[in-house]
Amino acid sequence: MAESDVVETVKQGYAFEGPALELGALLVDDEPKPEAAVRIPLGMMNRHGLVAGATGTGKTKTLQLMAEQLSAAGVAVFAADIKGDLSGVSQPGEGNDKLLARTKSIGQDWTASGFPTEFYALGGQGTGIPIRATITSFGPVLLSKVLGLNDVQESSLGLIFHYADKAGLTLLDLKDLRSVIQHLTSDEGKDDLKELGGLSAATAGVILRSLIGFADQGAEAFFGEPEFDTADLLQQRDGKGLISLLELPNLQDRPALFSTFLMWLLADLFHDLPEVGDVDKPKLVFFFDEAHLLFNDASKAFLDSIAQTVRLIRSKGVGVFFVTQTPKDVPDDVLAQLGSRVQHQLRAHTPNDAKALKATVSTFPSSSYDLGEVLTQLGIGEAIVTVMNEKGAPTPVAWTRLRAPQSLMAPASAEQQAASVQASPNNAKYSQAVDRQSAYEMLAAKVQAGAAQAEAEKQAQAEAKQQSEPRPRAQKQEKSMVEQVIGSSAFKQFARSAGREIVRGLFGAARRR
């Protein structure tokens, strides 16, 4: 296809009537064509998308670029800040000659700008407002994923949650769940699940050991109250959408926890938000970084739940963008629902890389590009893009030089982040953990009451036994000489006479003289 034809095809394919996010300009033979702007309709941002590419190819900057423009359009944004690089979105960027030359070449009018940003941290571990969830709201399916349980163990965990709910045992934190499991395997509680199949000691042991390992990763701080209200993500400040960043320190030590916790946030939004149908712009766009961690070793039930959530949450006005290395990291049922694609460079240094490259090429619409070759030649800050147009059809595949973010393309300073956290009204709302009465305290009180009752019954039985025992009878012995004298009739007559004198003296009656 001639250069002029490529330019015209892209120009027409991305000419939308409504507001749109500006991604960049078409690149032809390493020359940007600013007249052929590559964009995403704002109204299609709730049709979900994928930002993919090898490490170091610019995925984070693409995420930052999209978050800025969403915020400017009044749309709230949530993103996991894996490496802390996104925190710079809260501060105006720093221009230089190289940056300005790049932005000018693609037709970008670059102005340094900061955006309203809230910093969060799981359980307060890190710089941010604590985000917590209760064990009850997290649920057995998500918890099974993060604990690495198999299908049988997941089913048993679901039974434990069912019992706790029916028994009125509130599960707020890990110690609540441990206490319920220990109760159900004790002599007092093992019959409580008998009608439902029971809980084997072996399965309970596996779950308890998994919970111990989970707690050793620092998960104790993640569960409890006050539970985070996901409605706090849907805010505007001075007409701009709030950008909420969740810090994820030490990701390599607990990857399943973080990815599953993000899924909890998404599921909670789905549960709470009303149906709105198709809207001019979404309420929130949720960027799911390191998405492959969510799907690794996931059970079928878990994958089904993700696919259903992604499919239905669009009607709640929420868009979801998965950020990962290759499309093959995302299950087919989920990938099929991602309307917009921004694919950064892929590498093909190994057989597995070559296989991933081939799979990626197969997911794009047909085009004049040899994508198998182009995807390995993309420079940093370049991507192959195709999105949904306003009619829901895919746009032409475009080799794009992406725009530069207007905010700081580096982490904000620790002092700036700390000051933002302290000034936030949500800090007072969530900073102090609360430990109210729940399953742990209820079962502990029940055990204490049972022990006291058992002790009282034991004491009562001992007293009753003592009272029921016959008193010992005096043994018959031969009478001594004194006893024989006392028993004589003469001595008895004398005793009666003396006794009368003694009685009169005791009661004060004067003796007759």
Protein backbone atom coordinates (compact mmCIF):
# COMPACT_ATOMS: atom_id res chain seq x y z
CA MET A 1 0.00 0.00 0.00
CA ALA A 2 1.34 3.45 -0.95
CA GLU A 3 2.31 5.85 1.84
CA SER A 4 -0.46 8.28 0.93
CA ASP A 5 -3.00 5.48 1.07
CA VAL A 6 -1.80 4.38 4.52
CA VAL A 7 -2.00 7.93 5.83
CA GLU A 8 -5.47 8.46 4.41
CA THR A 9 -6.74 5.12 5.72
CA VAL A 10 -5.58 5.89 9.24
CA LYS A 11 -6.76 9.49 9.06
CA GLN A 12 -10.28 8.43 8.15
CA GLY A 13 -10.31 5.40 10.41
CA TYR A 14 -9.55 7.49 13.50
CA ALA A 15 -11.68 10.54 12.65
CA PHE A 16 -14.25 10.37 15.47
CA GLU A 17 -17.03 12.87 16.06
CA GLY A 18 -17.06 12.76 19.85
CA PRO A 19 -14.28 13.38 22.39
CA ALA A 20 -11.32 11.03 22.25
CA LEU A 21 -8.02 10.24 23.95
CA GLU A 22 -5.07 11.28 21.78
CA LEU A 23 -2.54 8.44 21.66
CA GLY A 24 -0.11 9.69 19.03
CA ALA A 25 0.59 9.95 15.34
CA LEU A 26 0.97 7.41 12.57
CA LEU A 27 4.57 6.46 11.86
CA VAL A 28 5.65 5.72 8.26
CA ASP A 29 9.28 4.85 7.53
CA ASP A 30 10.25 6.28 10.92
CA GLU A 31 8.58 9.59 10.07
CA PRO A 32 5.56 10.69 12.15
CA LYS A 33 2.49 11.87 10.29
CA PRO A 34 0.70 14.28 12.67
CA GLU A 35 -2.19 14.72 10.23
CA ALA A 36 -3.01 11.03 10.82
CA ALA A 37 -3.72 11.13 14.55
CA VAL A 38 -4.31 7.85 16.37
CA ARG A 39 -7.02 8.12 19.03
CA ILE A 40 -9.48 6.19 21.22
CA PRO A 41 -13.11 7.39 21.47
CA LEU A 42 -13.86 8.32 25.07
CA GLY A 43 -17.21 6.55 24.81
CA MET A 44 -15.43 3.28 23.97
CA MET A 45 -13.17 3.27 27.02
CA ASN A 46 -15.69 1.12 28.88
CA ARG A 47 -15.34 -1.55 26.17
CA HIS A 48 -12.06 -2.54 27.81
CA GLY A 49 -8.61 -2.91 26.34
CA LEU A 50 -5.10 -4.34 26.47
CA VAL A 51 -1.73 -2.62 26.82
CA ALA A 52 1.00 -5.19 26.18
CA GLY A 53 4.71 -5.33 25.51
CA ALA A 54 8.04 -6.53 26.80
CA THR A 55 9.63 -4.98 29.89
CA GLY A 56 11.04 -1.52 29.25
CA THR A 57 9.12 -0.78 26.05
CA GLY A 58 6.94 2.01 27.45
CA LYS A 59 3.78 0.36 28.81
CA THR A 60 3.84 2.45 31.99
CA LYS A 61 4.14 5.71 30.06
CA THR A 62 1.21 4.68 27.85
CA LEU A 63 -0.82 4.00 30.97
CA GLN A 64 0.21 7.41 32.36
CA LEU A 65 -0.73 9.15 29.11
CA MET A 66 -4.18 7.59 29.08
CA ALA A 67 -4.76 8.29 32.80
CA GLU A 68 -3.96 11.98 32.32
CA GLN A 69 -6.43 12.44 29.50
CA LEU A 70 -9.14 10.48 31.28
CA SER A 71 -8.68 12.68 34.34
CA ALA A 72 -8.82 15.83 32.19
CA ALA A 73 -12.13 14.55 30.76
CA GLY A 74 -13.55 14.12 34.26
CA VAL A 75 -13.20 10.31 34.35
CA ALA A 76 -11.84 8.67 37.51
CA VAL A 77 -8.88 6.30 37.13
CA PHE A 78 -7.57 3.46 39.24
CA ALA A 79 -4.17 1.86 38.63
CA ALA A 80 -1.78 -0.40 40.48
CA ASP A 81 1.57 1.36 40.73
CA ILE A 82 3.91 -1.62 40.57
CA LYS A 83 7.25 0.18 40.49
CA GLY A 84 6.17 3.56 41.87
CA ASP A 85 6.70 5.25 38.49
CA LEU A 86 3.09 6.37 38.15
CA SER A 87 3.25 8.55 41.26
CA GLY A 88 4.70 11.29 39.04
CA VAL A 89 1.24 11.85 37.55
CA SER A 90 0.52 14.02 40.60
CA GLN A 91 3.28 16.48 39.64
CA PRO A 92 3.83 18.67 36.55
CA GLY A 93 6.32 17.24 34.09
CA GLU A 94 9.76 18.60 33.30
CA GLY A 95 10.31 19.71 29.72
CA ASN A 96 13.59 19.61 27.81
CA ASP A 97 14.72 20.12 24.23
CA LYS A 98 14.60 16.43 23.33
CA LEU A 99 11.10 16.01 24.73
CA LEU A 100 9.76 19.13 23.05
CA ALA A 101 11.28 18.14 19.71
CA ARG A 102 9.52 14.77 19.92
CA THR A 103 6.17 16.23 20.91
CA LYS A 104 6.35 18.86 18.15
CA SER A 105 7.07 16.20 15.52
CA ILE A 106 3.83 14.35 16.31
CA GLY A 107 1.71 17.49 16.63
CA GLN A 108 1.43 17.45 20.42
CA ASP A 109 1.08 20.79 22.18
CA TRP A 110 2.89 19.78 25.35
CA THR A 111 2.24 21.65 28.60
CA ALA A 112 3.51 20.53 32.00
CA SER A 113 0.52 19.50 34.13
CA GLY A 114 -0.17 17.59 37.34
CA PHE A 115 -3.39 15.75 38.10
CA PRO A 116 -5.38 15.07 41.30
CA THR A 117 -3.98 11.87 42.77
CA GLU A 118 -4.73 9.71 45.79
CA PHE A 119 -2.16 7.23 47.07
CA TYR A 120 -3.23 3.92 48.62
CA ALA A 121 -1.38 0.96 50.12
CA LEU A 122 -2.67 -2.51 50.99
CA GLY A 123 -3.15 -2.59 54.73
CA GLY A 124 -1.07 0.56 55.04
CA GLN A 125 2.12 -1.30 54.13
CA GLY A 126 3.83 1.43 52.14
CA THR A 127 3.19 5.10 51.50
CA GLY A 128 -0.54 5.45 51.15
CA ILE A 129 -3.96 5.39 52.73
CA PRO A 130 -4.67 1.84 54.00
CA ILE A 131 -6.99 -0.30 51.89
CA ARG A 132 -8.51 -3.23 53.76
CA ALA A 133 -11.15 -5.81 53.00
CA THR A 134 -13.02 -8.17 55.29
CA ILE A 135 -12.65 -11.91 54.83
CA THR A 136 -16.42 -12.15 54.27
CA SER A 137 -16.44 -9.71 51.38
CA PHE A 138 -13.31 -11.26 49.88
CA GLY A 139 -15.13 -14.59 49.69
CA PRO A 140 -14.00 -18.20 49.27
CA VAL A 141 -13.28 -18.11 45.52
CA LEU A 142 -10.84 -15.20 45.64
CA LEU A 143 -9.31 -16.47 48.86
CA SER A 144 -8.82 -19.94 47.37
CA LYS A 145 -6.96 -18.36 44.45
CA VAL A 146 -4.62 -16.42 46.67
CA LEU A 147 -4.01 -19.46 48.92
CA GLY A 148 -3.37 -21.75 45.97
CA LEU A 149 -6.06 -24.28 46.96
CA ASN A 150 -7.25 -27.06 44.67
CA ASP A 151 -10.90 -27.61 43.70
CA VAL A 152 -11.68 -29.88 46.67
CA GLN A 153 -10.09 -27.49 49.16
CA GLU A 154 -11.87 -24.54 47.54
CA SER A 155 -15.18 -26.37 47.93
CA SER A 156 -14.43 -27.02 51.60
CA LEU A 157 -13.55 -23.38 52.13
CA GLY A 158 -16.88 -22.42 50.59
CA LEU A 159 -18.59 -24.74 53.09
CA ILE A 160 -16.75 -23.00 55.95
CA PHE A 161 -17.97 -19.60 54.74
CA HIS A 162 -21.50 -21.00 54.44
CA TYR A 163 -21.41 -22.28 58.01
CA ALA A 164 -20.05 -19.01 59.38
CA ASP A 165 -22.78 -17.06 57.62
CA LYS A 166 -25.58 -19.31 58.91
CA ALA A 167 -24.14 -19.34 62.44
CA GLY A 168 -23.81 -15.57 62.56
CA LEU A 169 -20.03 -15.76 62.92
CA THR A 170 -18.70 -12.62 61.25
CA LEU A 171 -15.46 -13.17 59.34
CA LEU A 172 -13.49 -9.93 59.37
CA ASP A 173 -9.84 -10.98 59.51
CA LEU A 174 -7.62 -14.04 59.29
CA LYS A 175 -7.91 -14.97 62.95
CA ASP A 176 -11.70 -15.14 62.55
CA LEU A 177 -11.36 -17.65 59.72
CA ARG A 178 -8.77 -19.71 61.59
CA SER A 179 -10.95 -19.88 64.69
CA VAL A 180 -13.98 -21.10 62.68
CA ILE A 181 -11.92 -23.83 61.00
CA GLN A 182 -10.48 -24.93 64.34
CA HIS A 183 -13.98 -25.00 65.83
CA LEU A 184 -15.34 -27.16 63.00
CA THR A 185 -12.58 -29.74 63.54
CA SER A 186 -12.91 -29.77 67.33
CA ASP A 187 -14.98 -32.25 69.36
CA GLU A 188 -17.56 -29.54 70.03
CA GLY A 189 -17.97 -28.40 66.42
CA LYS A 190 -17.25 -31.36 64.16
CA ASP A 191 -20.92 -32.36 64.03
CA ASP A 192 -22.03 -28.89 62.86
CA LEU A 193 -21.26 -29.73 59.22
CA LYS A 194 -22.26 -33.38 59.39
CA GLU A 195 -25.42 -32.88 57.33
CA LEU A 196 -23.42 -31.01 54.65
CA GLY A 197 -20.68 -33.59 54.27
CA GLY A 198 -18.37 -32.46 57.02
CA LEU A 199 -14.87 -31.01 56.93
CA SER A 200 -12.00 -33.48 56.88
CA ALA A 201 -9.14 -32.87 59.26
CA ALA A 202 -6.67 -33.22 56.37
CA THR A 203 -8.34 -30.50 54.28
CA ALA A 204 -8.70 -28.24 57.31
CA GLY A 205 -5.00 -28.75 57.99
CA VAL A 206 -4.06 -27.73 54.46
CA ILE A 207 -6.17 -24.57 54.67
CA LEU A 208 -4.80 -23.65 58.09
CA ARG A 209 -1.21 -24.14 56.94
CA SER A 210 -1.91 -22.03 53.86
CA LEU A 211 -3.33 -19.29 56.08
CA ILE A 212 -0.19 -19.36 58.21
CA GLY A 213 1.98 -18.90 55.14
CA PHE A 214 -0.36 -16.18 53.94
CA ALA A 215 -0.07 -14.36 57.27
CA ASP A 216 3.73 -14.64 57.15
CA GLN A 217 3.62 -12.62 53.92
CA GLY A 218 2.05 -9.76 55.87
CA ALA A 219 -1.54 -10.50 54.90
CA GLU A 220 -2.78 -9.96 58.46
CA ALA A 221 -2.73 -6.22 57.75
CA PHE A 222 -4.77 -6.53 54.56
CA PHE A 223 -7.90 -7.97 56.15
CA GLY A 224 -10.08 -6.20 58.65
CA GLU A 225 -11.94 -2.96 59.15
CA PRO A 226 -12.64 -0.25 58.23
CA GLU A 227 -13.27 -1.88 54.88
CA PHE A 228 -12.49 0.25 51.85
CA ASP A 229 -15.52 1.72 50.09
CA THR A 230 -14.85 1.48 46.36
CA ALA A 231 -17.20 4.42 45.82
CA ASP A 232 -14.30 6.59 47.02
CA LEU A 233 -12.57 5.84 43.72
CA LEU A 234 -15.33 7.59 41.74
CA GLN A 235 -14.45 11.17 42.62
CA GLN A 236 -13.73 14.41 40.82
CA ARG A 237 -11.62 17.27 42.08
CA ASP A 238 -11.82 20.67 40.43
CA GLY A 239 -13.58 19.07 37.47
CA LYS A 240 -10.85 16.47 36.92
CA GLY A 241 -11.26 12.77 37.56
CA LEU A 242 -9.37 11.49 40.58
CA ILE A 243 -6.43 9.19 39.80
CA SER A 244 -6.13 6.54 42.53
CA LEU A 245 -2.81 4.70 42.70
CA LEU A 246 -2.30 1.55 44.74
CA GLU A 247 1.29 0.98 45.77
CA LEU A 248 2.42 -2.64 45.55
CA PRO A 249 5.76 -3.06 47.34
CA ASN A 250 7.56 -6.40 47.31
CA LEU A 251 5.37 -7.71 44.51
CA GLN A 252 7.71 -10.63 43.86
CA ASP A 253 7.07 -11.98 47.38
CA ARG A 254 3.28 -12.15 47.09
CA PRO A 255 2.14 -11.76 43.49
CA ALA A 256 -1.10 -13.73 43.85
CA LEU A 257 -2.23 -11.60 46.78
CA PHE A 258 -1.88 -8.32 44.92
CA SER A 259 -3.50 -9.45 41.69
CA THR A 260 -6.36 -11.11 43.58
CA PHE A 261 -6.85 -8.03 45.73
CA LEU A 262 -7.22 -5.97 42.55
CA MET A 263 -9.83 -8.44 41.38
CA TRP A 264 -11.67 -7.93 44.67
CA LEU A 265 -11.80 -4.20 44.04
CA LEU A 266 -13.23 -4.79 40.58
CA ALA A 267 -15.78 -7.32 41.85
CA ASP A 268 -16.83 -4.93 44.62
CA LEU A 269 -17.39 -2.17 42.08
CA PHE A 270 -19.49 -4.53 40.00
CA HIS A 271 -21.59 -5.44 43.04
CA ASP A 272 -22.22 -1.87 44.19
CA LEU A 273 -22.59 0.20 41.02
CA PRO A 274 -25.99 0.60 39.30
CA GLU A 275 -26.64 -0.31 35.69
CA VAL A 276 -26.13 2.66 33.35
CA GLY A 277 -25.89 1.00 29.92
CA ASP A 278 -23.96 2.80 27.19
CA VAL A 279 -22.66 6.18 28.33
CA ASP A 280 -20.83 9.07 26.67
CA LYS A 281 -17.89 8.47 28.97
CA PRO A 282 -17.15 5.88 31.67
CA LYS A 283 -17.34 6.56 35.38
CA LEU A 284 -14.04 4.82 36.01
CA VAL A 285 -11.27 3.18 34.03
CA PHE A 286 -9.44 0.43 35.88
CA PHE A 287 -5.87 -0.39 34.80
CA PHE A 288 -4.93 -3.93 35.82
CA ASP A 289 -1.12 -4.02 35.72
CA GLU A 290 0.87 -7.27 35.78
CA ALA A 291 -2.34 -8.99 34.69
CA HIS A 292 -0.65 -12.33 34.07
CA LEU A 293 -0.33 -12.77 37.84
CA LEU A 294 -4.10 -12.84 38.12
CA PHE A 295 -4.50 -15.76 35.74
CA ASN A 296 -1.53 -17.92 36.73
CA ASP A 297 -2.65 -21.27 38.23
CA ALA A 298 -6.24 -20.02 38.45
CA SER A 299 -9.08 -22.50 38.88
CA LYS A 300 -11.84 -22.73 36.28
CA ALA A 301 -14.33 -21.20 38.72
CA PHE A 302 -12.01 -18.25 39.24
CA LEU A 303 -11.47 -17.70 35.52
CA ASP A 304 -15.22 -17.92 34.91
CA SER A 305 -15.79 -15.26 37.58
CA ILE A 306 -13.26 -12.93 35.96
CA ALA A 307 -14.75 -13.38 32.50
CA GLN A 308 -18.26 -12.71 33.80
CA THR A 309 -17.17 -9.63 35.75
CA VAL A 310 -15.34 -8.13 32.76
CA ARG A 311 -18.25 -8.91 30.44
CA LEU A 312 -20.90 -7.32 32.64
CA ILE A 313 -19.10 -4.43 34.33
CA ARG A 314 -19.17 -2.44 31.08
CA SER A 315 -22.85 -1.74 31.72
CA LYS A 316 -21.90 -0.28 35.11
CA GLY A 317 -19.82 2.40 33.37
CA VAL A 318 -16.44 0.86 34.19
CA GLY A 319 -13.71 0.14 31.67
CA VAL A 320 -10.93 -2.35 32.35
CA PHE A 321 -7.52 -2.30 30.69
CA PHE A 322 -5.22 -5.25 31.31
CA VAL A 323 -1.51 -4.41 31.24
CA THR A 324 0.82 -7.35 30.64
CA GLN A 325 3.59 -8.64 28.38
CA THR A 326 1.74 -10.61 25.71
CA PRO A 327 -1.93 -11.23 24.84
CA LYS A 328 -1.44 -14.91 25.59
CA ASP A 329 -1.20 -13.97 29.28
CA VAL A 330 -4.93 -13.28 29.17
CA PRO A 331 -7.47 -16.15 28.78
CA ASP A 332 -9.37 -16.26 25.50
CA ASP A 333 -12.74 -15.59 27.14
CA VAL A 334 -11.38 -12.34 28.59
CA LEU A 335 -9.22 -11.37 25.61
CA ALA A 336 -12.24 -11.58 23.31
CA GLN A 337 -13.86 -8.75 25.28
CA LEU A 338 -10.96 -6.28 24.97
CA GLY A 339 -11.88 -3.83 22.22
CA SER A 340 -8.79 -1.59 22.22
CA ARG A 341 -5.21 -2.80 21.75
CA VAL A 342 -1.93 -0.97 22.31
CA GLN A 343 0.87 -3.43 21.60
CA HIS A 344 4.44 -2.38 22.36
CA GLN A 345 7.55 -4.21 21.23
CA LEU A 346 7.82 -7.96 21.65
CA ARG A 347 11.07 -9.91 21.69
CA ALA A 348 11.67 -13.24 20.00
CA HIS A 349 14.92 -14.42 21.54
CA THR A 350 13.65 -17.86 22.57
CA PRO A 351 11.27 -20.50 21.13
CA ASN A 352 8.68 -19.46 23.71
CA ASP A 353 9.08 -15.81 22.67
CA ALA A 354 8.59 -16.78 19.01
CA LYS A 355 5.46 -18.70 19.92
CA ALA A 356 4.10 -15.74 21.89
CA LEU A 357 4.86 -13.43 18.95
CA LYS A 358 2.97 -15.65 16.54
CA ALA A 359 0.01 -15.84 18.90
CA THR A 360 -0.02 -12.06 19.27
CA VAL A 361 -0.03 -11.48 15.50
CA SER A 362 -3.03 -13.79 15.14
CA THR A 363 -5.11 -11.61 17.49
CA PHE A 364 -4.91 -8.47 15.30
CA PRO A 365 -7.20 -7.58 12.39
CA SER A 366 -5.69 -8.02 8.93
CA SER A 367 -3.45 -5.18 7.79
CA SER A 368 -0.72 -4.25 5.32
CA TYR A 369 1.93 -4.75 8.02
CA ASP A 370 4.05 -7.82 8.47
CA LEU A 371 3.28 -7.77 12.18
CA GLY A 372 5.59 -10.67 12.94
CA GLU A 373 8.46 -8.42 11.86
CA VAL A 374 7.10 -5.02 12.91
CA LEU A 375 6.39 -6.03 16.51
CA THR A 376 10.07 -6.84 17.04
CA GLN A 377 11.21 -3.55 15.46
CA LEU A 378 9.11 -1.09 17.47
CA GLY A 379 11.09 1.54 19.33
CA ILE A 380 10.50 2.63 22.91
CA GLY A 381 7.36 4.75 22.98
CA GLU A 382 5.99 3.16 19.82
CA ALA A 383 3.14 0.70 19.52
CA ILE A 384 0.83 -1.08 17.11
CA VAL A 385 -2.67 0.24 17.82
CA THR A 386 -6.20 -0.78 16.92
CA VAL A 387 -9.27 0.33 18.86
CA MET A 388 -13.05 0.29 18.60
CA ASN A 389 -14.50 3.18 16.66
CA GLU A 390 -17.73 4.87 17.72
CA LYS A 391 -19.76 2.23 15.89
CA GLY A 392 -17.98 -0.61 17.66
CA ALA A 393 -15.92 -1.71 14.64
CA PRO A 394 -12.13 -2.12 14.79
CA THR A 395 -10.03 0.75 13.45
CA PRO A 396 -7.17 0.21 10.99
CA VAL A 397 -3.98 -1.20 12.51
CA ALA A 398 -1.57 1.73 12.94
CA TRP A 399 2.15 1.87 13.73
CA THR A 400 2.05 4.74 16.22
CA ARG A 401 4.55 7.05 17.86
CA LEU A 402 2.92 7.75 21.19
CA ARG A 403 2.51 11.10 22.86
CA ALA A 404 4.51 12.06 25.94
CA PRO A 405 2.79 12.37 29.31
CA GLN A 406 2.46 15.96 30.57
CA SER A 407 3.05 14.96 34.18
CA LEU A 408 6.35 13.93 35.74
CA MET A 409 7.77 10.85 34.01
CA ALA A 410 9.50 9.72 37.21
CA PRO A 411 8.34 8.89 40.74
CA ALA A 412 7.12 11.75 42.91
CA SER A 413 9.32 12.33 45.93
CA ALA A 414 8.57 10.51 49.18
CA GLU A 415 7.86 13.88 50.83
CA GLN A 416 5.33 14.82 48.15
CA GLN A 417 3.53 11.50 48.48
CA ALA A 418 3.49 11.64 52.28
CA ALA A 419 2.10 15.19 52.22
CA SER A 420 -0.63 14.11 49.81
CA VAL A 421 -1.61 11.22 52.07
CA GLN A 422 -1.75 13.39 55.19
CA ALA A 423 -3.88 16.01 53.44
CA SER A 424 -6.41 13.50 52.12
CA PRO A 425 -9.84 13.33 53.82
CA ASN A 426 -9.77 9.57 53.25
CA ASN A 427 -6.72 9.20 55.48
CA ALA A 428 -8.74 9.95 58.59
CA LYS A 429 -11.46 7.60 57.37
CA TYR A 430 -9.22 4.56 56.85
CA SER A 431 -5.93 5.07 58.70
CA GLN A 432 -6.95 3.57 62.06
CA ALA A 433 -7.69 -0.18 62.09
CA VAL A 434 -10.78 -1.34 64.00
CA ASP A 435 -11.12 -4.78 65.62
CA ARG A 436 -14.75 -5.24 66.67
CA GLN A 437 -16.37 -8.40 67.96
CA SER A 438 -16.41 -11.10 65.31
CA ALA A 439 -16.05 -14.88 64.95
CA TYR A 440 -12.81 -15.09 66.92
CA GLU A 441 -14.24 -13.30 69.96
CA MET A 442 -17.59 -15.09 69.68
CA LEU A 443 -16.03 -18.55 69.62
CA ALA A 444 -13.54 -17.66 72.35
CA ALA A 445 -16.42 -16.52 74.57
CA LYS A 446 -18.30 -19.73 73.75
CA VAL A 447 -15.30 -21.83 74.74
CA GLN A 448 -14.87 -19.92 78.00
CA ALA A 449 -18.57 -20.23 78.82
CA GLY A 450 -18.45 -23.96 78.05
CA ALA A 451 -15.39 -24.43 80.25
CA ALA A 452 -17.03 -22.55 83.13
CA GLN A 453 -20.22 -24.60 82.77
CA ALA A 454 -18.25 -27.85 82.69
CA GLU A 455 -16.38 -26.87 85.84
CA ALA A 456 -19.63 -25.97 87.61
CA GLU A 457 -21.23 -29.27 86.58
CA LYS A 458 -18.17 -31.18 87.78
CA GLN A 459 -18.28 -29.45 91.16
CA ALA A 460 -22.03 -30.07 91.49
CA GLN A 461 -21.56 -33.76 90.72
CA ALA A 462 -18.82 -34.01 93.33
CA GLU A 463 -21.02 -32.40 95.96
CA ALA A 464 -23.98 -34.65 95.08
CA LYS A 465 -21.77 -37.72 95.30
CA GLN A 466 -20.48 -36.65 98.68
CA GLN A 467 -24.00 -36.12 100.01
CA SER A 468 -25.26 -39.47 98.72
CA GLU A 469 -22.54 -41.52 100.39
CA PRO A 470 -23.76 -43.32 103.69
CA ARG A 471 -22.20 -42.16 106.97
CA PRO A 472 -19.90 -44.74 108.60
CA ARG A 473 -21.45 -46.72 111.56
CA ALA A 474 -19.68 -47.00 114.93
CA GLN A 475 -18.14 -50.39 115.48
CA LYS A 476 -19.40 -52.48 118.46
CA GLN A 477 -16.77 -52.92 121.20
CA GLU A 478 -16.72 -54.60 124.57
CA LYS A 479 -17.83 -52.33 127.45
CA SER A 480 -15.13 -50.98 129.69
CA MET A 481 -15.47 -50.91 133.51
CA VAL A 482 -16.49 -47.24 133.42
CA GLU A 483 -19.17 -47.96 130.82
CA GLN A 484 -20.49 -50.78 132.94
CA VAL A 485 -20.80 -48.51 135.96
CA ILE A 486 -22.48 -45.77 133.90
CA GLY A 487 -24.94 -48.28 132.56
CA SER A 488 -26.08 -49.45 136.01
CA SER A 489 -29.55 -48.51 137.28
CA ALA A 490 -28.18 -46.81 140.40
CA PHE A 491 -25.97 -44.46 138.34
CA LYS A 492 -28.86 -43.61 136.02
CA GLN A 493 -31.07 -42.58 138.97
CA PHE A 494 -28.31 -40.33 140.27
CA ALA A 495 -27.82 -38.78 136.87
CA ARG A 496 -31.46 -37.89 136.47
CA SER A 497 -31.49 -36.13 139.86
CA ALA A 498 -28.28 -34.18 139.08
CA GLY A 499 -29.54 -33.32 135.57
CA ARG A 500 -32.59 -31.60 136.91
CA GLU A 501 -30.41 -29.41 139.12
CA ILE A 502 -28.17 -28.48 136.21
CA VAL A 503 -31.13 -27.57 133.93
CA ARG A 504 -32.64 -25.27 136.50
CA GLY A 505 -29.37 -23.52 136.97
CA LEU A 506 -28.92 -23.00 133.20
CA PHE A 507 -32.32 -21.35 132.63
CA GLY A 508 -32.06 -19.06 135.66
CA ALA A 509 -34.78 -20.59 137.80
CA ALA A 510 -33.84 -20.15 141.42
CA ARG A 511 -33.23 -23.38 143.28
CA ARG A 512 -35.65 -23.92 146.22
CA ARG A 513 -33.99 -23.76 149.51
